[in-house]
């Protein structure tokens, strides 16, 4: 499944990552109904090819009220994978307390996916060999070699 350039997948979760809102496009790509999605952990659509370090980074950032962009490979209910370019932010109340999380996903730059798929495969290998710390070290080394931080790297790929 490939997103159209005009598609925007939108979802909201509670503090634990359980879905509280999802738009029609989310349901279509997930292959699940609103009833099947609401109240379920967002990782219901997680693909096994995703390195855990990406989600660790994501959670660290959004819990600090920092937005993050990430390439994410998801899995629809029928087994079809699909890639998204995700922007995730914290939702806050009038006192600036986090009350949930908000994500908008759009079509990823297809040229960037070649780089990301290779990177994620390497991160997964490192994770299997030495756990999440090994995967984190590998990601850090790649970014250092590119002389970029994570945000610059991800945004560069999307806008290249």
C-alpha atoms as a PDB file:
ATOM      1  CA  UNK A   1       0.000   0.000   0.000  1.00  0.00           C
ATOM      2  CA  UNK A   2       1.313   3.427  -0.912  1.00  0.00           C
ATOM      3  CA  UNK A   3      -0.018   6.709   0.374  1.00  0.00           C
ATOM      4  CA  UNK A   4      -1.188   9.360  -2.052  1.00  0.00           C
ATOM      5  CA  UNK A   5       0.524  12.739  -1.769  1.00  0.00           C
ATOM      6  CA  UNK A   6      -2.779  14.234  -0.542  1.00  0.00           C
ATOM      7  CA  UNK A   7      -3.362  11.597   2.153  1.00  0.00           C
ATOM      8  CA  UNK A   8      -2.960  12.551   5.784  1.00  0.00           C
ATOM      9  CA  UNK A   9      -3.296   9.823   8.382  1.00  0.00           C
ATOM     10  CA  UNK A  10      -4.328  11.345  11.709  1.00  0.00           C
ATOM     11  CA  UNK A  11      -4.612   9.788  15.131  1.00  0.00           C
ATOM     12  CA  UNK A  12      -4.652  10.804  18.765  1.00  0.00           C
ATOM     13  CA  UNK A  13      -3.707   8.682  21.750  1.00  0.00           C
ATOM     14  CA  UNK A  14      -3.929   8.870  25.493  1.00  0.00           C
ATOM     15  CA  UNK A  15      -0.835   9.048  27.697  1.00  0.00           C
ATOM     16  CA  UNK A  16      -0.238   5.308  27.359  1.00  0.00           C
ATOM     17  CA  UNK A  17      -0.451   5.325  23.562  1.00  0.00           C
ATOM     18  CA  UNK A  18      -3.977   3.921  23.251  1.00  0.00           C
ATOM     19  CA  UNK A  19      -5.918   5.317  20.305  1.00  0.00           C
ATOM     20  CA  UNK A  20      -8.622   7.876  21.173  1.00  0.00           C
ATOM     21  CA  UNK A  21      -9.194   9.210  17.643  1.00  0.00           C
ATOM     22  CA  UNK A  22      -8.416   8.044  14.122  1.00  0.00           C
ATOM     23  CA  UNK A  23      -9.456   9.450  10.764  1.00  0.00           C
ATOM     24  CA  UNK A  24     -10.901   7.524   7.820  1.00  0.00           C
ATOM     25  CA  UNK A  25      -7.542   7.317   6.043  1.00  0.00           C
ATOM     26  CA  UNK A  26      -5.984   5.739   9.149  1.00  0.00           C
ATOM     27  CA  UNK A  27      -8.742   3.124   9.191  1.00  0.00           C
ATOM     28  CA  UNK A  28      -8.313   2.426   5.474  1.00  0.00           C
ATOM     29  CA  UNK A  29      -4.562   1.872   5.736  1.00  0.00           C
ATOM     30  CA  UNK A  30      -4.843  -0.109   8.975  1.00  0.00           C
ATOM     31  CA  UNK A  31      -7.619  -2.211   7.472  1.00  0.00           C
ATOM     32  CA  UNK A  32      -9.527  -1.905  10.724  1.00  0.00           C
ATOM     33  CA  UNK A  33     -12.735  -0.175  11.771  1.00  0.00           C
ATOM     34  CA  UNK A  34     -12.962   2.658  14.255  1.00  0.00           C
ATOM     35  CA  UNK A  35     -14.412   0.204  16.765  1.00  0.00           C
ATOM     36  CA  UNK A  36     -11.431  -2.118  16.260  1.00  0.00           C
ATOM     37  CA  UNK A  37      -8.934   0.737  16.738  1.00  0.00           C
ATOM     38  CA  UNK A  38     -10.315   2.945  19.509  1.00  0.00           C
ATOM     39  CA  UNK A  39      -8.896   2.025  22.903  1.00  0.00           C
ATOM     40  CA  UNK A  40      -6.207  -0.188  21.378  1.00  0.00           C
ATOM     41  CA  UNK A  41      -2.480   0.493  21.697  1.00  0.00           C
ATOM     42  CA  UNK A  42      -1.163   2.389  18.674  1.00  0.00           C
ATOM     43  CA  UNK A  43       1.389  -0.367  18.211  1.00  0.00           C
ATOM     44  CA  UNK A  44      -1.448  -2.549  16.908  1.00  0.00           C
ATOM     45  CA  UNK A  45      -0.149  -1.491  13.476  1.00  0.00           C
ATOM     46  CA  UNK A  46       3.586  -1.790  14.252  1.00  0.00           C
ATOM     47  CA  UNK A  47       5.609  -3.732  11.723  1.00  0.00           C
ATOM     48  CA  UNK A  48       8.265  -6.127  13.035  1.00  0.00           C
ATOM     49  CA  UNK A  49      10.870  -4.445  10.782  1.00  0.00           C
ATOM     50  CA  UNK A  50      10.831  -1.331  12.971  1.00  0.00           C
ATOM     51  CA  UNK A  51      13.843  -0.971  15.245  1.00  0.00           C
ATOM     52  CA  UNK A  52      12.903  -0.334  18.872  1.00  0.00           C
ATOM     53  CA  UNK A  53      15.399   2.525  19.131  1.00  0.00           C
ATOM     54  CA  UNK A  54      13.207   4.662  16.859  1.00  0.00           C
ATOM     55  CA  UNK A  55      10.261   4.296  19.238  1.00  0.00           C
ATOM     56  CA  UNK A  56      12.481   4.881  22.264  1.00  0.00           C
ATOM     57  CA  UNK A  57      13.656   8.141  20.692  1.00  0.00           C
ATOM     58  CA  UNK A  58      10.073   9.036  19.779  1.00  0.00           C
ATOM     59  CA  UNK A  59       8.757   8.489  23.324  1.00  0.00           C
ATOM     60  CA  UNK A  60      11.676  10.343  24.911  1.00  0.00           C
ATOM     61  CA  UNK A  61      10.994  13.349  22.720  1.00  0.00           C
ATOM     62  CA  UNK A  62       7.220  13.569  22.972  1.00  0.00           C
ATOM     63  CA  UNK A  63       7.241  13.079  26.751  1.00  0.00           C
ATOM     64  CA  UNK A  64       9.411  16.219  26.851  1.00  0.00           C
ATOM     65  CA  UNK A  65       6.851  18.063  24.673  1.00  0.00           C
ATOM     66  CA  UNK A  66       9.246  18.035  21.722  1.00  0.00           C
ATOM     67  CA  UNK A  67       7.887  17.119  18.328  1.00  0.00           C
ATOM     68  CA  UNK A  68       9.546  14.427  16.298  1.00  0.00           C
ATOM     69  CA  UNK A  69       9.486  13.311  12.694  1.00  0.00           C
ATOM     70  CA  UNK A  70      10.148   9.680  11.855  1.00  0.00           C
ATOM     71  CA  UNK A  71       9.833   7.194   9.048  1.00  0.00           C
ATOM     72  CA  UNK A  72       7.628   4.352  10.235  1.00  0.00           C
ATOM     73  CA  UNK A  73       6.782   1.054   8.601  1.00  0.00           C
ATOM     74  CA  UNK A  74       3.311  -0.054   9.629  1.00  0.00           C
ATOM     75  CA  UNK A  75       1.328  -3.218   9.033  1.00  0.00           C
ATOM     76  CA  UNK A  76      -2.288  -3.346   7.908  1.00  0.00           C
ATOM     77  CA  UNK A  77      -4.639  -6.016   9.204  1.00  0.00           C
ATOM     78  CA  UNK A  78      -4.344  -7.969   5.933  1.00  0.00           C
ATOM     79  CA  UNK A  79      -0.555  -8.160   6.282  1.00  0.00           C
ATOM     80  CA  UNK A  80       0.346  -5.420   3.794  1.00  0.00           C
ATOM     81  CA  UNK A  81       3.132  -3.114   4.954  1.00  0.00           C
ATOM     82  CA  UNK A  82       3.024   0.620   4.368  1.00  0.00           C
ATOM     83  CA  UNK A  83       5.482   3.418   5.063  1.00  0.00           C
ATOM     84  CA  UNK A  84       4.633   6.815   6.494  1.00  0.00           C
ATOM     85  CA  UNK A  85       6.490  10.005   7.323  1.00  0.00           C
ATOM     86  CA  UNK A  86       5.156  10.736  10.792  1.00  0.00           C
ATOM     87  CA  UNK A  87       5.050  13.900  12.860  1.00  0.00           C
ATOM     88  CA  UNK A  88       4.229  13.234  16.498  1.00  0.00           C
ATOM     89  CA  UNK A  89       3.595  15.855  19.161  1.00  0.00           C
ATOM     90  CA  UNK A  90       2.238  16.039  22.671  1.00  0.00           C
ATOM     91  CA  UNK A  91      -1.251  17.415  23.237  1.00  0.00           C
ATOM     92  CA  UNK A  92      -1.405  19.702  26.255  1.00  0.00           C
ATOM     93  CA  UNK A  93      -4.168  21.185  28.371  1.00  0.00           C
ATOM     94  CA  UNK A  94      -4.565  24.829  29.432  1.00  0.00           C
ATOM     95  CA  UNK A  95      -1.941  24.279  32.191  1.00  0.00           C
ATOM     96  CA  UNK A  96       0.584  22.852  29.719  1.00  0.00           C
ATOM     97  CA  UNK A  97       0.163  19.321  31.093  1.00  0.00           C
ATOM     98  CA  UNK A  98       0.432  16.513  28.561  1.00  0.00           C
ATOM     99  CA  UNK A  99      -2.982  14.917  28.076  1.00  0.00           C
ATOM    100  CA  UNK A 100      -2.168  12.743  25.070  1.00  0.00           C
ATOM    101  CA  UNK A 101      -0.342  12.600  21.776  1.00  0.00           C
ATOM    102  CA  UNK A 102      -1.200  13.626  18.247  1.00  0.00           C
ATOM    103  CA  UNK A 103       0.236  12.223  15.046  1.00  0.00           C
ATOM    104  CA  UNK A 104      -0.094  13.227  11.420  1.00  0.00           C
ATOM    105  CA  UNK A 105       1.438  10.945   8.823  1.00  0.00           C
ATOM    106  CA  UNK A 106       1.947  11.679   5.175  1.00  0.00           C
ATOM    107  CA  UNK A 107       3.541  10.063   2.168  1.00  0.00           C
ATOM    108  CA  UNK A 108       7.267   9.537   2.648  1.00  0.00           C
ATOM    109  CA  UNK A 109       9.808  10.584   0.058  1.00  0.00           C
ATOM    110  CA  UNK A 110      10.313   7.344  -1.844  1.00  0.00           C
ATOM    111  CA  UNK A 111      14.018   8.013  -2.448  1.00  0.00           C
ATOM    112  CA  UNK A 112      14.447   8.442   1.294  1.00  0.00           C
ATOM    113  CA  UNK A 113      12.966   5.003   1.909  1.00  0.00           C
ATOM    114  CA  UNK A 114      15.959   3.313   0.263  1.00  0.00           C
ATOM    115  CA  UNK A 115      18.215   4.955   2.854  1.00  0.00           C
ATOM    116  CA  UNK A 116      15.804   4.332   5.727  1.00  0.00           C
ATOM    117  CA  UNK A 117      15.186   0.679   4.886  1.00  0.00           C
ATOM    118  CA  UNK A 118      18.930  -0.013   4.839  1.00  0.00           C
ATOM    119  CA  UNK A 119      19.435   1.946   8.062  1.00  0.00           C
ATOM    120  CA  UNK A 120      16.562   0.216   9.853  1.00  0.00           C
ATOM    121  CA  UNK A 121      17.803  -3.225   8.740  1.00  0.00           C
ATOM    122  CA  UNK A 122      21.220  -2.379  10.195  1.00  0.00           C
ATOM    123  CA  UNK A 123      19.674  -1.053  13.417  1.00  0.00           C
ATOM    124  CA  UNK A 124      17.617  -4.247  13.758  1.00  0.00           C
ATOM    125  CA  UNK A 125      20.712  -6.404  13.278  1.00  0.00           C
ATOM    126  CA  UNK A 126      22.504  -4.449  15.974  1.00  0.00           C
ATOM    127  CA  UNK A 127      19.458  -4.717  18.240  1.00  0.00           C
ATOM    128  CA  UNK A 128      19.359  -8.493  17.797  1.00  0.00           C
ATOM    129  CA  UNK A 129      23.096  -8.752  18.468  1.00  0.00           C
ATOM    130  CA  UNK A 130      23.487  -6.379  21.365  1.00  0.00           C
ATOM    131  CA  UNK A 131      20.103  -5.016  22.398  1.00  0.00           C
ATOM    132  CA  UNK A 132      18.765  -1.507  22.164  1.00  0.00           C
ATOM    133  CA  UNK A 133      22.008   0.050  23.401  1.00  0.00           C
ATOM    134  CA  UNK A 134      23.875  -1.428  20.428  1.00  0.00           C
ATOM    135  CA  UNK A 135      21.195  -0.131  18.088  1.00  0.00           C
ATOM    136  CA  UNK A 136      21.381   3.335  19.671  1.00  0.00           C
ATOM    137  CA  UNK A 137      25.153   3.361  19.338  1.00  0.00           C
ATOM    138  CA  UNK A 138      24.858   2.389  15.684  1.00  0.00           C
ATOM    139  CA  UNK A 139      22.346   5.173  14.998  1.00  0.00           C
ATOM    140  CA  UNK A 140      24.582   7.666  16.773  1.00  0.00           C
ATOM    141  CA  UNK A 141      27.572   6.550  14.686  1.00  0.00           C
ATOM    142  CA  UNK A 142      25.631   6.903  11.423  1.00  0.00           C
ATOM    143  CA  UNK A 143      24.511  10.418  12.347  1.00  0.00           C
ATOM    144  CA  UNK A 144      28.025  11.353  13.424  1.00  0.00           C
ATOM    145  CA  UNK A 145      29.420  10.110  10.086  1.00  0.00           C
ATOM    146  CA  UNK A 146      26.862  12.266   8.272  1.00  0.00           C
ATOM    147  CA  UNK A 147      27.674  15.190  10.558  1.00  0.00           C
ATOM    148  CA  UNK A 148      23.940  15.621  11.256  1.00  0.00           C
ATOM    149  CA  UNK A 149      21.678  15.271  14.232  1.00  0.00           C
ATOM    150  CA  UNK A 150      18.584  13.073  13.971  1.00  0.00           C
ATOM    151  CA  UNK A 151      16.192  15.904  13.087  1.00  0.00           C
ATOM    152  CA  UNK A 152      18.375  17.345  10.351  1.00  0.00           C
ATOM    153  CA  UNK A 153      18.970  13.877   8.886  1.00  0.00           C
ATOM    154  CA  UNK A 154      15.281  12.905   8.784  1.00  0.00           C
ATOM    155  CA  UNK A 155      14.122  16.244   7.401  1.00  0.00           C
ATOM    156  CA  UNK A 156      16.930  16.258   4.835  1.00  0.00           C
ATOM    157  CA  UNK A 157      15.795  12.856   3.580  1.00  0.00           C
ATOM    158  CA  UNK A 158      12.180  13.943   3.296  1.00  0.00           C
ATOM    159  CA  UNK A 159      12.979  17.188   1.502  1.00  0.00           C
ATOM    160  CA  UNK A 160      15.732  15.891  -0.793  1.00  0.00           C
END
